[in-house]
């Protein structure tokens, strides 16, 4: 299984539009994923300024992949794909 870093933007817009709920992500992870997922809450990812990236709340995965309009379901689904990936 691959390690996955999840960075949750907690800037004002993201927090009000759903990242507050995403801060409980660790509680939602299946037990077998927990050792492979690192979750960080960041003050702001400064992504709201770029309209081409989508809308808040934002989550960044593995320092490169930006997920706009992040929901618990979307983030868990993407983590599952990244954790179980056999390539690389």
PDB file of N, CA and C in Angstrom:
ATOM      1  N   UNK A   1       0.835  -1.187   0.000  1.00  0.00           N
ATOM      2  CA  UNK A   1       0.000   0.000   0.000  1.00  0.00           C
ATOM      3  C   UNK A   1       0.873   1.241   0.000  1.00  0.00           C
ATOM      4  N   UNK A   2       0.379   2.271  -0.648  1.00  0.00           N
ATOM      5  CA  UNK A   2       1.108   3.529  -0.772  1.00  0.00           C
ATOM      6  C   UNK A   2       0.748   4.494   0.347  1.00  0.00           C
ATOM      7  N   UNK A   3       1.725   5.326   0.729  1.00  0.00           N
ATOM      8  CA  UNK A   3       1.476   6.398   1.703  1.00  0.00           C
ATOM      9  C   UNK A   3       0.758   7.539   0.990  1.00  0.00           C
ATOM     10  N   UNK A   4      -0.182   8.155   1.678  1.00  0.00           N
ATOM     11  CA  UNK A   4      -0.948   9.271   1.133  1.00  0.00           C
ATOM     12  C   UNK A   4      -0.958  10.410   2.144  1.00  0.00           C
ATOM     13  N   UNK A   5      -0.621  11.615   1.670  1.00  0.00           N
ATOM     14  CA  UNK A   5      -0.704  12.805   2.508  1.00  0.00           C
ATOM     15  C   UNK A   5      -1.929  13.593   2.072  1.00  0.00           C
ATOM     16  N   UNK A   6      -2.770  13.936   3.027  1.00  0.00           N
ATOM     17  CA  UNK A   6      -3.989  14.702   2.770  1.00  0.00           C
ATOM     18  C   UNK A   6      -3.873  16.014   3.528  1.00  0.00           C
ATOM     19  N   UNK A   7      -3.886  17.129   2.789  1.00  0.00           N
ATOM     20  CA  UNK A   7      -3.810  18.445   3.399  1.00  0.00           C
ATOM     21  C   UNK A   7      -5.166  19.133   3.210  1.00  0.00           C
ATOM     22  N   UNK A   8      -5.802  19.463   4.311  1.00  0.00           N
ATOM     23  CA  UNK A   8      -7.124  20.082   4.291  1.00  0.00           C
ATOM     24  C   UNK A   8      -6.969  21.579   4.515  1.00  0.00           C
ATOM     25  N   UNK A   9      -7.460  22.371   3.568  1.00  0.00           N
ATOM     26  CA  UNK A   9      -7.405  23.818   3.713  1.00  0.00           C
ATOM     27  C   UNK A   9      -8.428  24.244   4.761  1.00  0.00           C
ATOM     28  N   UNK A  10      -7.968  25.029   5.727  1.00  0.00           N
ATOM     29  CA  UNK A  10      -8.862  25.525   6.781  1.00  0.00           C
ATOM     30  C   UNK A  10      -8.956  27.043   6.756  1.00  0.00           C
ATOM     31  N   UNK A  11      -8.686  27.628   5.573  1.00  0.00           N
ATOM     32  CA  UNK A  11      -8.908  29.057   5.413  1.00  0.00           C
ATOM     33  C   UNK A  11     -10.395  29.333   5.604  1.00  0.00           C
ATOM     34  N   UNK A  12     -10.762  30.587   5.772  1.00  0.00           N
ATOM     35  CA  UNK A  12     -12.136  30.947   6.107  1.00  0.00           C
ATOM     36  C   UNK A  12     -13.156  30.377   5.135  1.00  0.00           C
ATOM     37  N   UNK A  13     -12.959  30.599   3.831  1.00  0.00           N
ATOM     38  CA  UNK A  13     -13.934  30.117   2.844  1.00  0.00           C
ATOM     39  C   UNK A  13     -14.039  28.594   2.874  1.00  0.00           C
ATOM     40  N   UNK A  14     -12.913  27.923   2.864  1.00  0.00           N
ATOM     41  CA  UNK A  14     -12.931  26.456   2.866  1.00  0.00           C
ATOM     42  C   UNK A  14     -13.578  25.920   4.143  1.00  0.00           C
ATOM     43  N   UNK A  15     -13.234  26.509   5.265  1.00  0.00           N
ATOM     44  CA  UNK A  15     -13.763  26.048   6.544  1.00  0.00           C
ATOM     45  C   UNK A  15     -15.289  26.171   6.573  1.00  0.00           C
ATOM     46  N   UNK A  16     -15.789  27.318   6.128  1.00  0.00           N
ATOM     47  CA  UNK A  16     -17.235  27.542   6.145  1.00  0.00           C
ATOM     48  C   UNK A  16     -17.973  26.685   5.118  1.00  0.00           C
ATOM     49  N   UNK A  17     -17.289  26.335   4.032  1.00  0.00           N
ATOM     50  CA  UNK A  17     -17.940  25.570   2.964  1.00  0.00           C
ATOM     51  C   UNK A  17     -17.721  24.061   3.069  1.00  0.00           C
ATOM     52  N   UNK A  18     -17.126  23.586   4.175  1.00  0.00           N
ATOM     53  CA  UNK A  18     -17.073  22.146   4.365  1.00  0.00           C
ATOM     54  C   UNK A  18     -15.821  21.532   4.925  1.00  0.00           C
ATOM     55  N   UNK A  19     -14.716  22.282   4.974  1.00  0.00           N
ATOM     56  CA  UNK A  19     -13.507  21.633   5.489  1.00  0.00           C
ATOM     57  C   UNK A  19     -13.614  21.355   6.991  1.00  0.00           C
ATOM     58  N   UNK A  20     -14.492  22.065   7.692  1.00  0.00           N
ATOM     59  CA  UNK A  20     -14.697  21.768   9.118  1.00  0.00           C
ATOM     60  C   UNK A  20     -15.128  20.312   9.278  1.00  0.00           C
ATOM     61  N   UNK A  21     -16.007  19.851   8.413  1.00  0.00           N
ATOM     62  CA  UNK A  21     -16.455  18.453   8.452  1.00  0.00           C
ATOM     63  C   UNK A  21     -15.322  17.506   8.042  1.00  0.00           C
ATOM     64  N   UNK A  22     -14.483  17.944   7.095  1.00  0.00           N
ATOM     65  CA  UNK A  22     -13.381  17.099   6.630  1.00  0.00           C
ATOM     66  C   UNK A  22     -12.334  16.860   7.711  1.00  0.00           C
ATOM     67  N   UNK A  23     -12.314  17.697   8.724  1.00  0.00           N
ATOM     68  CA  UNK A  23     -11.345  17.515   9.806  1.00  0.00           C
ATOM     69  C   UNK A  23     -11.607  16.244  10.604  1.00  0.00           C
ATOM     70  N   UNK A  24     -12.752  15.610  10.397  1.00  0.00           N
ATOM     71  CA  UNK A  24     -13.048  14.328  11.045  1.00  0.00           C
ATOM     72  C   UNK A  24     -12.691  13.143  10.139  1.00  0.00           C
ATOM     73  N   UNK A  25     -11.953  13.421   9.073  1.00  0.00           N
ATOM     74  CA  UNK A  25     -11.602  12.396   8.085  1.00  0.00           C
ATOM     75  C   UNK A  25     -10.953  11.170   8.714  1.00  0.00           C
ATOM     76  N   UNK A  26     -10.046  11.369   9.637  1.00  0.00           N
ATOM     77  CA  UNK A  26      -9.344  10.232  10.249  1.00  0.00           C
ATOM     78  C   UNK A  26     -10.316   9.241  10.880  1.00  0.00           C
ATOM     79  N   UNK A  27     -11.380   9.749  11.470  1.00  0.00           N
ATOM     80  CA  UNK A  27     -12.384   8.879  12.081  1.00  0.00           C
ATOM     81  C   UNK A  27     -13.142   8.050  11.047  1.00  0.00           C
ATOM     82  N   UNK A  28     -13.164   8.506   9.811  1.00  0.00           N
ATOM     83  CA  UNK A  28     -13.904   7.832   8.747  1.00  0.00           C
ATOM     84  C   UNK A  28     -13.054   6.817   7.970  1.00  0.00           C
ATOM     85  N   UNK A  29     -11.743   6.853   8.172  1.00  0.00           N
ATOM     86  CA  UNK A  29     -10.856   5.949   7.437  1.00  0.00           C
ATOM     87  C   UNK A  29     -11.043   4.508   7.881  1.00  0.00           C
ATOM     88  N   UNK A  30     -11.063   3.574   6.926  1.00  0.00           N
ATOM     89  CA  UNK A  30     -11.051   2.162   7.316  1.00  0.00           C
ATOM     90  C   UNK A  30      -9.770   1.871   8.113  1.00  0.00           C
ATOM     91  N   UNK A  31      -9.863   1.027   9.067  1.00  0.00           N
ATOM     92  CA  UNK A  31      -8.734   0.724   9.956  1.00  0.00           C
ATOM     93  C   UNK A  31      -7.471   0.343   9.175  1.00  0.00           C
ATOM     94  N   UNK A  32      -7.620  -0.411   8.097  1.00  0.00           N
ATOM     95  CA  UNK A  32      -6.459  -0.877   7.330  1.00  0.00           C
ATOM     96  C   UNK A  32      -5.758   0.241   6.562  1.00  0.00           C
ATOM     97  N   UNK A  33      -6.367   1.395   6.417  1.00  0.00           N
ATOM     98  CA  UNK A  33      -5.738   2.534   5.724  1.00  0.00           C
ATOM     99  C   UNK A  33      -5.002   3.455   6.678  1.00  0.00           C
ATOM    100  N   UNK A  34      -5.365   3.457   7.942  1.00  0.00           N
ATOM    101  CA  UNK A  34      -4.906   4.490   8.879  1.00  0.00           C
ATOM    102  C   UNK A  34      -3.394   4.647   8.944  1.00  0.00           C
ATOM    103  N   UNK A  35      -2.645   3.566   8.887  1.00  0.00           N
ATOM    104  CA  UNK A  35      -1.190   3.697   8.963  1.00  0.00           C
ATOM    105  C   UNK A  35      -0.575   4.244   7.675  1.00  0.00           C
ATOM    106  N   UNK A  36      -1.361   4.312   6.605  1.00  0.00           N
ATOM    107  CA  UNK A  36      -0.865   4.780   5.320  1.00  0.00           C
ATOM    108  C   UNK A  36      -1.311   6.194   4.967  1.00  0.00           C
ATOM    109  N   UNK A  37      -2.109   6.817   5.820  1.00  0.00           N
ATOM    110  CA  UNK A  37      -2.659   8.139   5.523  1.00  0.00           C
ATOM    111  C   UNK A  37      -2.245   9.138   6.590  1.00  0.00           C
ATOM    112  N   UNK A  38      -1.633  10.235   6.144  1.00  0.00           N
ATOM    113  CA  UNK A  38      -1.278  11.326   7.046  1.00  0.00           C
ATOM    114  C   UNK A  38      -2.189  12.503   6.701  1.00  0.00           C
ATOM    115  N   UNK A  39      -2.891  13.013   7.695  1.00  0.00           N
ATOM    116  CA  UNK A  39      -3.837  14.106   7.495  1.00  0.00           C
ATOM    117  C   UNK A  39      -3.306  15.351   8.190  1.00  0.00           C
ATOM    118  N   UNK A  40      -3.294  16.465   7.440  1.00  0.00           N
ATOM    119  CA  UNK A  40      -2.822  17.735   7.984  1.00  0.00           C
ATOM    120  C   UNK A  40      -3.885  18.800   7.744  1.00  0.00           C
ATOM    121  N   UNK A  41      -4.128  19.615   8.735  1.00  0.00           N
ATOM    122  CA  UNK A  41      -4.984  20.788   8.577  1.00  0.00           C
ATOM    123  C   UNK A  41      -4.056  21.982   8.394  1.00  0.00           C
ATOM    124  N   UNK A  42      -4.254  22.725   7.318  1.00  0.00           N
ATOM    125  CA  UNK A  42      -3.403  23.883   7.045  1.00  0.00           C
ATOM    126  C   UNK A  42      -4.217  25.164   7.134  1.00  0.00           C
ATOM    127  N   UNK A  43      -3.591  26.263   7.579  1.00  0.00           N
ATOM    128  CA  UNK A  43      -4.326  27.517   7.719  1.00  0.00           C
ATOM    129  C   UNK A  43      -4.964  27.976   6.411  1.00  0.00           C
ATOM    130  N   UNK A  44      -4.268  27.843   5.300  1.00  0.00           N
ATOM    131  CA  UNK A  44      -4.823  28.216   3.998  1.00  0.00           C
ATOM    132  C   UNK A  44      -3.888  27.704   2.907  1.00  0.00           C
ATOM    133  N   UNK A  45      -4.463  27.144   1.857  1.00  0.00           N
ATOM    134  CA  UNK A  45      -3.673  26.680   0.721  1.00  0.00           C
ATOM    135  C   UNK A  45      -3.591  27.748  -0.373  1.00  0.00           C
ATOM    136  N   UNK A  46      -4.261  28.883  -0.189  1.00  0.00           N
ATOM    137  CA  UNK A  46      -4.265  29.986  -1.157  1.00  0.00           C
ATOM    138  C   UNK A  46      -4.714  29.552  -2.549  1.00  0.00           C
ATOM    139  N   UNK A  47      -5.740  28.720  -2.600  1.00  0.00           N
ATOM    140  CA  UNK A  47      -6.235  28.222  -3.885  1.00  0.00           C
ATOM    141  C   UNK A  47      -7.505  28.924  -4.351  1.00  0.00           C
ATOM    142  N   UNK A  48      -8.181  29.631  -3.474  1.00  0.00           N
ATOM    143  CA  UNK A  48      -9.437  30.307  -3.830  1.00  0.00           C
ATOM    144  C   UNK A  48      -9.230  31.371  -4.898  1.00  0.00           C
ATOM    145  N   UNK A  49      -8.036  31.924  -4.954  1.00  0.00           N
ATOM    146  CA  UNK A  49      -7.735  33.002  -5.896  1.00  0.00           C
ATOM    147  C   UNK A  49      -7.768  32.549  -7.345  1.00  0.00           C
ATOM    148  N   UNK A  50      -7.574  31.260  -7.592  1.00  0.00           N
ATOM    149  CA  UNK A  50      -7.529  30.755  -8.953  1.00  0.00           C
ATOM    150  C   UNK A  50      -8.850  30.101  -9.327  1.00  0.00           C
ATOM    151  N   UNK A  51      -9.662  30.815 -10.088  1.00  0.00           N
ATOM    152  CA  UNK A  51     -10.979  30.309 -10.493  1.00  0.00           C
ATOM    153  C   UNK A  51     -10.874  29.030 -11.306  1.00  0.00           C
ATOM    154  N   UNK A  52      -9.773  28.825 -12.007  1.00  0.00           N
ATOM    155  CA  UNK A  52      -9.635  27.629 -12.843  1.00  0.00           C
ATOM    156  C   UNK A  52      -9.452  26.348 -12.028  1.00  0.00           C
ATOM    157  N   UNK A  53      -9.186  26.479 -10.733  1.00  0.00           N
ATOM    158  CA  UNK A  53      -9.024  25.305  -9.882  1.00  0.00           C
ATOM    159  C   UNK A  53     -10.342  24.785  -9.329  1.00  0.00           C
ATOM    160  N   UNK A  54     -11.398  25.578  -9.421  1.00  0.00           N
ATOM    161  CA  UNK A  54     -12.691  25.161  -8.887  1.00  0.00           C
ATOM    162  C   UNK A  54     -13.040  25.948  -7.643  1.00  0.00           C
ATOM    163  N   UNK A  55     -13.912  25.378  -6.830  1.00  0.00           N
ATOM    164  CA  UNK A  55     -14.432  26.082  -5.658  1.00  0.00           C
ATOM    165  C   UNK A  55     -14.060  25.381  -4.358  1.00  0.00           C
ATOM    166  N   UNK A  56     -14.120  26.143  -3.281  1.00  0.00           N
ATOM    167  CA  UNK A  56     -13.834  25.630  -1.942  1.00  0.00           C
ATOM    168  C   UNK A  56     -14.910  24.629  -1.527  1.00  0.00           C
ATOM    169  N   UNK A  57     -14.583  23.723  -0.629  1.00  0.00           N
ATOM    170  CA  UNK A  57     -13.318  23.560   0.083  1.00  0.00           C
ATOM    171  C   UNK A  57     -12.298  22.775  -0.753  1.00  0.00           C
ATOM    172  N   UNK A  58     -11.030  23.083  -0.500  1.00  0.00           N
ATOM    173  CA  UNK A  58      -9.943  22.436  -1.234  1.00  0.00           C
ATOM    174  C   UNK A  58      -9.191  21.452  -0.345  1.00  0.00           C
ATOM    175  N   UNK A  59      -8.743  20.376  -0.971  1.00  0.00           N
ATOM    176  CA  UNK A  59      -7.879  19.391  -0.334  1.00  0.00           C
ATOM    177  C   UNK A  59      -6.730  19.133  -1.298  1.00  0.00           C
ATOM    178  N   UNK A  60      -5.518  19.024  -0.762  1.00  0.00           N
ATOM    179  CA  UNK A  60      -4.358  18.685  -1.588  1.00  0.00           C
ATOM    180  C   UNK A  60      -3.873  17.301  -1.178  1.00  0.00           C
ATOM    181  N   UNK A  61      -3.677  16.452  -2.174  1.00  0.00           N
ATOM    182  CA  UNK A  61      -3.231  15.085  -1.929  1.00  0.00           C
ATOM    183  C   UNK A  61      -1.804  14.913  -2.447  1.00  0.00           C
ATOM    184  N   UNK A  62      -0.953  14.346  -1.619  1.00  0.00           N
ATOM    185  CA  UNK A  62       0.445  14.069  -1.967  1.00  0.00           C
ATOM    186  C   UNK A  62       1.171  15.284  -2.526  1.00  0.00           C
ATOM    187  N   UNK A  63       0.905  16.434  -1.965  1.00  0.00           N
ATOM    188  CA  UNK A  63       1.544  17.708  -2.285  1.00  0.00           C
ATOM    189  C   UNK A  63       1.333  18.195  -3.723  1.00  0.00           C
ATOM    190  N   UNK A  64       0.602  17.457  -4.567  1.00  0.00           N
ATOM    191  CA  UNK A  64       0.468  17.872  -5.961  1.00  0.00           C
ATOM    192  C   UNK A  64      -0.960  17.892  -6.488  1.00  0.00           C
ATOM    193  N   UNK A  65      -1.774  16.981  -6.057  1.00  0.00           N
ATOM    194  CA  UNK A  65      -3.130  16.844  -6.607  1.00  0.00           C
ATOM    195  C   UNK A  65      -4.116  17.703  -5.822  1.00  0.00           C
ATOM    196  N   UNK A  66      -4.771  18.619  -6.523  1.00  0.00           N
ATOM    197  CA  UNK A  66      -5.741  19.514  -5.889  1.00  0.00           C
ATOM    198  C   UNK A  66      -7.145  18.968  -6.127  1.00  0.00           C
ATOM    199  N   UNK A  67      -7.922  18.858  -5.052  1.00  0.00           N
ATOM    200  CA  UNK A  67      -9.316  18.445  -5.156  1.00  0.00           C
ATOM    201  C   UNK A  67     -10.197  19.620  -4.739  1.00  0.00           C
ATOM    202  N   UNK A  68     -10.918  20.219  -5.701  1.00  0.00           N
ATOM    203  CA  UNK A  68     -11.863  21.283  -5.350  1.00  0.00           C
ATOM    204  C   UNK A  68     -13.187  20.683  -4.904  1.00  0.00           C
ATOM    205  N   UNK A  69     -14.013  21.493  -4.263  1.00  0.00           N
ATOM    206  CA  UNK A  69     -15.342  21.061  -3.826  1.00  0.00           C
ATOM    207  C   UNK A  69     -15.272  19.705  -3.112  1.00  0.00           C
ATOM    208  N   UNK A  70     -14.278  19.589  -2.254  1.00  0.00           N
ATOM    209  CA  UNK A  70     -14.023  18.326  -1.569  1.00  0.00           C
ATOM    210  C   UNK A  70     -15.159  17.979  -0.611  1.00  0.00           C
ATOM    211  N   UNK A  71     -15.548  16.726  -0.660  1.00  0.00           N
ATOM    212  CA  UNK A  71     -16.518  16.178   0.282  1.00  0.00           C
ATOM    213  C   UNK A  71     -15.880  14.960   0.922  1.00  0.00           C
ATOM    214  N   UNK A  72     -16.439  14.508   2.013  1.00  0.00           N
ATOM    215  CA  UNK A  72     -15.919  13.320   2.687  1.00  0.00           C
ATOM    216  C   UNK A  72     -15.899  12.138   1.714  1.00  0.00           C
ATOM    217  N   UNK A  73     -16.969  11.977   0.961  1.00  0.00           N
ATOM    218  CA  UNK A  73     -17.084  10.849   0.032  1.00  0.00           C
ATOM    219  C   UNK A  73     -16.022  10.914  -1.063  1.00  0.00           C
ATOM    220  N   UNK A  74     -15.828  12.104  -1.652  1.00  0.00           N
ATOM    221  CA  UNK A  74     -14.835  12.258  -2.716  1.00  0.00           C
ATOM    222  C   UNK A  74     -13.426  12.003  -2.199  1.00  0.00           C
ATOM    223  N   UNK A  75     -13.124  12.541  -1.029  1.00  0.00           N
ATOM    224  CA  UNK A  75     -11.780  12.383  -0.470  1.00  0.00           C
ATOM    225  C   UNK A  75     -11.514  10.918  -0.118  1.00  0.00           C
ATOM    226  N   UNK A  76     -12.468  10.257   0.511  1.00  0.00           N
ATOM    227  CA  UNK A  76     -12.284   8.836   0.856  1.00  0.00           C
ATOM    228  C   UNK A  76     -12.114   7.980  -0.388  1.00  0.00           C
ATOM    229  N   UNK A  77     -12.877   8.252  -1.426  1.00  0.00           N
ATOM    230  CA  UNK A  77     -12.761   7.478  -2.667  1.00  0.00           C
ATOM    231  C   UNK A  77     -11.378   7.655  -3.289  1.00  0.00           C
ATOM    232  N   UNK A  78     -10.881   8.893  -3.293  1.00  0.00           N
ATOM    233  CA  UNK A  78      -9.567   9.148  -3.885  1.00  0.00           C
ATOM    234  C   UNK A  78      -8.458   8.536  -3.034  1.00  0.00           C
ATOM    235  N   UNK A  79      -8.564   8.627  -1.722  1.00  0.00           N
ATOM    236  CA  UNK A  79      -7.569   8.000  -0.844  1.00  0.00           C
ATOM    237  C   UNK A  79      -7.528   6.502  -1.110  1.00  0.00           C
ATOM    238  N   UNK A  80      -8.697   5.887  -1.245  1.00  0.00           N
ATOM    239  CA  UNK A  80      -8.746   4.448  -1.520  1.00  0.00           C
ATOM    240  C   UNK A  80      -7.994   4.081  -2.771  1.00  0.00           C
ATOM    241  N   UNK A  81      -8.155   4.875  -3.816  1.00  0.00           N
ATOM    242  CA  UNK A  81      -7.438   4.602  -5.065  1.00  0.00           C
ATOM    243  C   UNK A  81      -5.935   4.795  -4.895  1.00  0.00           C
ATOM    244  N   UNK A  82      -5.531   5.824  -4.164  1.00  0.00           N
ATOM    245  CA  UNK A  82      -4.103   6.089  -3.974  1.00  0.00           C
ATOM    246  C   UNK A  82      -3.452   5.068  -3.052  1.00  0.00           C
ATOM    247  N   UNK A  83      -4.116   4.685  -1.991  1.00  0.00           N
ATOM    248  CA  UNK A  83      -3.554   3.721  -1.033  1.00  0.00           C
ATOM    249  C   UNK A  83      -3.376   2.351  -1.684  1.00  0.00           C
ATOM    250  N   UNK A  84      -4.317   1.962  -2.508  1.00  0.00           N
ATOM    251  CA  UNK A  84      -4.289   0.621  -3.089  1.00  0.00           C
ATOM    252  C   UNK A  84      -3.571   0.545  -4.438  1.00  0.00           C
ATOM    253  N   UNK A  85      -2.993   1.638  -4.872  1.00  0.00           N
ATOM    254  CA  UNK A  85      -2.300   1.673  -6.159  1.00  0.00           C
ATOM    255  C   UNK A  85      -1.023   0.831  -6.090  1.00  0.00           C
ATOM    256  N   UNK A  86      -0.813   0.013  -7.094  1.00  0.00           N
ATOM    257  CA  UNK A  86       0.359  -0.862  -7.120  1.00  0.00           C
ATOM    258  C   UNK A  86       1.469  -0.353  -8.031  1.00  0.00           C
ATOM    259  N   UNK A  87       1.203   0.714  -8.820  1.00  0.00           N
ATOM    260  CA  UNK A  87       2.257   1.213  -9.709  1.00  0.00           C
ATOM    261  C   UNK A  87       3.220   2.096  -8.936  1.00  0.00           C
ATOM    262  N   UNK A  88       4.231   2.639  -9.598  1.00  0.00           N
ATOM    263  CA  UNK A  88       5.303   3.464  -9.028  1.00  0.00           C
ATOM    264  C   UNK A  88       6.309   2.570  -8.349  1.00  0.00           C
TER     265      UNK A  88
END
